[in-house]
Amino acid sequence: MKNNVWGQHLLLDLADCNSNVCEKEAIADFVRELVVAIDMKAYGEPVIVHFAEHSYEAAGYSLVQLIETSAITGHFSDNNRDAYLDVFSCKEFSEDVVIQVVQRHFAPQEIFSAFLDRGATLSKRGAFRQCELAARACDKKMR
């Protein structure tokens, strides 16, 4: 990993997926394959819980899979079949491999991604905005 980079953070927005985003066991199969494909080590079993049944728009599964180098998380929408995934690790991994596993399991019609280097001492922050801690207000300018 590059100097001052503490970890990599991949964010994926998946549009119009197949019905696997609505199936707990399919989500579990996905994350188990992903952990192996990106050469990580799972820390325990994945936590997959169905939330927001009171809200048509928000209902769906949430996923947390701890890995020895951080975590894989996801939120899956039952009703529009979209999904939102995050892979964060202080060990390098391939964005392309993650996307291949996503395509095999969820067949999204569109994928939007951001792949960020994370680290508090990075000189170039990319899409991050600096926040004033006292006021908790974020600077509107992109750095």
C-alpha atoms as a PDB file:
ATOM      1  CA  MET A   1       0.000   0.000   0.000  1.00  0.00           C
ATOM      2  CA  LYS A   2       1.190   3.566  -0.721  1.00  0.00           C
ATOM      3  CA  ASN A   3       2.786   5.731   1.972  1.00  0.00           C
ATOM      4  CA  ASN A   4       0.288   7.311   4.368  1.00  0.00           C
ATOM      5  CA  VAL A   5      -2.525   5.102   3.066  1.00  0.00           C
ATOM      6  CA  TRP A   6      -4.139   3.306   5.973  1.00  0.00           C
ATOM      7  CA  GLY A   7      -6.705   1.424   3.940  1.00  0.00           C
ATOM      8  CA  GLN A   8      -8.760   1.116   0.789  1.00  0.00           C
ATOM      9  CA  HIS A   9     -12.488   1.809   0.705  1.00  0.00           C
ATOM     10  CA  LEU A  10     -14.640   0.657  -2.195  1.00  0.00           C
ATOM     11  CA  LEU A  11     -18.186   2.006  -2.399  1.00  0.00           C
ATOM     12  CA  LEU A  12     -20.596   0.413  -4.881  1.00  0.00           C
ATOM     13  CA  ASP A  13     -24.134   1.454  -5.777  1.00  0.00           C
ATOM     14  CA  LEU A  14     -25.895  -1.316  -7.708  1.00  0.00           C
ATOM     15  CA  ALA A  15     -29.030  -0.545  -9.709  1.00  0.00           C
ATOM     16  CA  ASP A  16     -31.799  -2.942 -10.713  1.00  0.00           C
ATOM     17  CA  CYS A  17     -30.342  -6.221  -9.433  1.00  0.00           C
ATOM     18  CA  ASN A  18     -31.823  -9.699  -9.625  1.00  0.00           C
ATOM     19  CA  SER A  19     -33.950 -11.185  -6.834  1.00  0.00           C
ATOM     20  CA  ASN A  20     -30.869 -12.364  -4.892  1.00  0.00           C
ATOM     21  CA  VAL A  21     -30.825  -8.976  -3.140  1.00  0.00           C
ATOM     22  CA  CYS A  22     -34.067 -10.067  -1.444  1.00  0.00           C
ATOM     23  CA  GLU A  23     -32.769 -13.449  -0.248  1.00  0.00           C
ATOM     24  CA  LYS A  24     -30.829 -13.818   2.998  1.00  0.00           C
ATOM     25  CA  GLU A  25     -29.018 -17.003   1.959  1.00  0.00           C
ATOM     26  CA  ALA A  26     -28.058 -15.529  -1.436  1.00  0.00           C
ATOM     27  CA  ILE A  27     -26.532 -12.523   0.338  1.00  0.00           C
ATOM     28  CA  ALA A  28     -24.644 -14.877   2.678  1.00  0.00           C
ATOM     29  CA  ASP A  29     -23.338 -16.891  -0.293  1.00  0.00           C
ATOM     30  CA  PHE A  30     -22.209 -13.658  -1.953  1.00  0.00           C
ATOM     31  CA  VAL A  31     -20.221 -12.375   1.007  1.00  0.00           C
ATOM     32  CA  ARG A  32     -18.613 -15.752   1.673  1.00  0.00           C
ATOM     33  CA  GLU A  33     -17.406 -15.943  -1.935  1.00  0.00           C
ATOM     34  CA  LEU A  34     -16.266 -12.314  -1.855  1.00  0.00           C
ATOM     35  CA  VAL A  35     -14.119 -12.818   1.252  1.00  0.00           C
ATOM     36  CA  VAL A  36     -12.278 -15.680  -0.464  1.00  0.00           C
ATOM     37  CA  ALA A  37     -12.047 -13.921  -3.853  1.00  0.00           C
ATOM     38  CA  ILE A  38     -10.321 -10.840  -2.401  1.00  0.00           C
ATOM     39  CA  ASP A  39      -8.079 -12.979  -0.171  1.00  0.00           C
ATOM     40  CA  MET A  40      -9.444 -11.818   3.176  1.00  0.00           C
ATOM     41  CA  LYS A  41     -10.225 -13.751   6.356  1.00  0.00           C
ATOM     42  CA  ALA A  42     -13.744 -13.617   7.775  1.00  0.00           C
ATOM     43  CA  TYR A  43     -14.009 -12.898  11.466  1.00  0.00           C
ATOM     44  CA  GLY A  44     -17.085 -14.860  12.459  1.00  0.00           C
ATOM     45  CA  GLU A  45     -20.244 -15.388  10.463  1.00  0.00           C
ATOM     46  CA  PRO A  46     -21.947 -12.606   8.495  1.00  0.00           C
ATOM     47  CA  VAL A  47     -24.743 -10.727  10.236  1.00  0.00           C
ATOM     48  CA  ILE A  48     -27.688 -10.370   7.847  1.00  0.00           C
ATOM     49  CA  VAL A  49     -30.884  -8.822   9.191  1.00  0.00           C
ATOM     50  CA  HIS A  50     -34.070  -7.617   7.480  1.00  0.00           C
ATOM     51  CA  PHE A  51     -34.915  -4.053   8.518  1.00  0.00           C
ATOM     52  CA  ALA A  52     -37.441  -1.272   7.914  1.00  0.00           C
ATOM     53  CA  GLU A  53     -40.448  -3.447   7.207  1.00  0.00           C
ATOM     54  CA  HIS A  54     -42.596  -0.454   8.232  1.00  0.00           C
ATOM     55  CA  SER A  55     -41.301   1.491   5.204  1.00  0.00           C
ATOM     56  CA  TYR A  56     -41.900   0.271   1.658  1.00  0.00           C
ATOM     57  CA  GLU A  57     -39.006   2.322   0.279  1.00  0.00           C
ATOM     58  CA  ALA A  58     -36.461   1.327   2.929  1.00  0.00           C
ATOM     59  CA  ALA A  59     -37.267  -2.355   3.544  1.00  0.00           C
ATOM     60  CA  GLY A  60     -34.467  -4.808   2.923  1.00  0.00           C
ATOM     61  CA  TYR A  61     -31.512  -6.695   4.300  1.00  0.00           C
ATOM     62  CA  SER A  62     -28.441  -5.174   5.891  1.00  0.00           C
ATOM     63  CA  LEU A  63     -25.161  -7.087   5.926  1.00  0.00           C
ATOM     64  CA  VAL A  64     -22.087  -6.838   8.128  1.00  0.00           C
ATOM     65  CA  GLN A  65     -19.163  -9.201   7.653  1.00  0.00           C
ATOM     66  CA  LEU A  66     -16.175  -8.422   9.809  1.00  0.00           C
ATOM     67  CA  ILE A  67     -12.865  -9.321   8.233  1.00  0.00           C
ATOM     68  CA  GLU A  68      -9.511  -9.401   9.991  1.00  0.00           C
ATOM     69  CA  THR A  69      -8.522  -6.206   8.196  1.00  0.00           C
ATOM     70  CA  SER A  70     -11.863  -4.334   8.642  1.00  0.00           C
ATOM     71  CA  ALA A  71     -15.364  -4.986   7.242  1.00  0.00           C
ATOM     72  CA  ILE A  72     -17.713  -5.575   4.342  1.00  0.00           C
ATOM     73  CA  THR A  73     -21.139  -3.976   4.695  1.00  0.00           C
ATOM     74  CA  GLY A  74     -24.195  -3.816   2.492  1.00  0.00           C
ATOM     75  CA  HIS A  75     -27.748  -2.572   2.335  1.00  0.00           C
ATOM     76  CA  PHE A  76     -30.193  -4.229  -0.054  1.00  0.00           C
ATOM     77  CA  SER A  77     -33.541  -2.771  -1.147  1.00  0.00           C
ATOM     78  CA  ASP A  78     -36.383  -5.264  -1.546  1.00  0.00           C
ATOM     79  CA  ASN A  79     -38.613  -3.000  -3.571  1.00  0.00           C
ATOM     80  CA  ASN A  80     -36.373  -1.385  -6.166  1.00  0.00           C
ATOM     81  CA  ARG A  81     -33.727  -4.136  -6.053  1.00  0.00           C
ATOM     82  CA  ASP A  82     -30.855  -1.723  -5.583  1.00  0.00           C
ATOM     83  CA  ALA A  83     -27.894  -2.459  -3.321  1.00  0.00           C
ATOM     84  CA  TYR A  84     -25.227  -0.383  -1.612  1.00  0.00           C
ATOM     85  CA  LEU A  85     -21.952  -2.107  -0.717  1.00  0.00           C
ATOM     86  CA  ASP A  86     -18.801  -1.010   1.101  1.00  0.00           C
ATOM     87  CA  VAL A  87     -15.549  -2.927   1.314  1.00  0.00           C
ATOM     88  CA  PHE A  88     -12.967  -1.392   3.642  1.00  0.00           C
ATOM     89  CA  SER A  89      -9.617  -2.995   4.365  1.00  0.00           C
ATOM     90  CA  CYS A  90      -6.111  -2.053   5.421  1.00  0.00           C
ATOM     91  CA  LYS A  91      -4.986  -4.935   3.167  1.00  0.00           C
ATOM     92  CA  GLU A  92      -4.996  -4.238  -0.572  1.00  0.00           C
ATOM     93  CA  PHE A  93      -7.717  -5.791  -2.719  1.00  0.00           C
ATOM     94  CA  SER A  94      -8.897  -5.562  -6.318  1.00  0.00           C
ATOM     95  CA  GLU A  95     -11.910  -3.447  -7.246  1.00  0.00           C
ATOM     96  CA  ASP A  96     -12.286  -5.532 -10.417  1.00  0.00           C
ATOM     97  CA  VAL A  97     -12.533  -8.783  -8.453  1.00  0.00           C
ATOM     98  CA  VAL A  98     -15.213  -7.317  -6.173  1.00  0.00           C
ATOM     99  CA  ILE A  99     -17.219  -6.169  -9.202  1.00  0.00           C
ATOM    100  CA  GLN A 100     -16.931  -9.602 -10.849  1.00  0.00           C
ATOM    101  CA  VAL A 101     -18.333 -11.301  -7.736  1.00  0.00           C
ATOM    102  CA  VAL A 102     -21.111  -8.691  -7.509  1.00  0.00           C
ATOM    103  CA  GLN A 103     -22.067  -9.277 -11.148  1.00  0.00           C
ATOM    104  CA  ARG A 104     -22.191 -13.060 -10.690  1.00  0.00           C
ATOM    105  CA  HIS A 105     -24.458 -12.869  -7.649  1.00  0.00           C
ATOM    106  CA  PHE A 106     -26.687  -9.840  -8.251  1.00  0.00           C
ATOM    107  CA  ALA A 107     -26.531  -9.097 -12.018  1.00  0.00           C
ATOM    108  CA  PRO A 108     -27.007  -5.326 -11.595  1.00  0.00           C
ATOM    109  CA  GLN A 109     -28.024  -3.356 -14.678  1.00  0.00           C
ATOM    110  CA  GLU A 110     -25.745  -0.497 -13.586  1.00  0.00           C
ATOM    111  CA  ILE A 111     -22.833  -0.173 -11.178  1.00  0.00           C
ATOM    112  CA  PHE A 112     -21.521   3.105  -9.786  1.00  0.00           C
ATOM    113  CA  SER A 113     -18.256   2.974  -7.841  1.00  0.00           C
ATOM    114  CA  ALA A 114     -15.774   5.033  -5.881  1.00  0.00           C
ATOM    115  CA  PHE A 115     -12.445   3.569  -4.777  1.00  0.00           C
ATOM    116  CA  LEU A 116     -10.754   5.661  -2.125  1.00  0.00           C
ATOM    117  CA  ASP A 117      -7.457   5.611  -0.323  1.00  0.00           C
ATOM    118  CA  ARG A 118      -8.089   6.227   3.376  1.00  0.00           C
ATOM    119  CA  GLY A 119      -5.659   7.741   5.844  1.00  0.00           C
ATOM    120  CA  ALA A 120      -5.763  10.657   8.243  1.00  0.00           C
ATOM    121  CA  THR A 121      -2.368  11.917   7.077  1.00  0.00           C
ATOM    122  CA  LEU A 122      -2.984  11.848   3.323  1.00  0.00           C
ATOM    123  CA  SER A 123      -2.011  15.157   1.752  1.00  0.00           C
ATOM    124  CA  LYS A 124      -4.508  14.878  -1.118  1.00  0.00           C
ATOM    125  CA  ARG A 125      -8.023  14.118   0.109  1.00  0.00           C
ATOM    126  CA  GLY A 126      -9.876  13.602  -3.158  1.00  0.00           C
ATOM    127  CA  ALA A 127     -13.647  13.691  -2.579  1.00  0.00           C
ATOM    128  CA  PHE A 128     -13.364  14.327   1.161  1.00  0.00           C
ATOM    129  CA  ARG A 129     -14.308  17.640   2.774  1.00  0.00           C
ATOM    130  CA  GLN A 130     -12.619  18.840   5.936  1.00  0.00           C
ATOM    131  CA  CYS A 131     -14.988  19.267   8.873  1.00  0.00           C
ATOM    132  CA  GLU A 132     -14.539  21.698  11.721  1.00  0.00           C
ATOM    133  CA  LEU A 133     -14.717  19.542  14.808  1.00  0.00           C
ATOM    134  CA  ALA A 134     -16.098  22.189  17.168  1.00  0.00           C
ATOM    135  CA  ALA A 135     -19.009  23.179  14.947  1.00  0.00           C
ATOM    136  CA  ARG A 136     -19.381  19.822  13.171  1.00  0.00           C
ATOM    137  CA  ALA A 137     -19.939  21.807   9.984  1.00  0.00           C
ATOM    138  CA  CYS A 138     -18.243  20.596   6.828  1.00  0.00           C
ATOM    139  CA  ASP A 139     -16.425  22.911   4.477  1.00  0.00           C
ATOM    140  CA  LYS A 140     -18.384  23.106   1.203  1.00  0.00           C
ATOM    141  CA  LYS A 141     -15.249  23.162  -0.948  1.00  0.00           C
ATOM    142  CA  MET A 142     -13.871  19.911  -2.250  1.00  0.00           C
ATOM    143  CA  ARG A 143     -10.219  19.434  -1.353  1.00  0.00           C
END
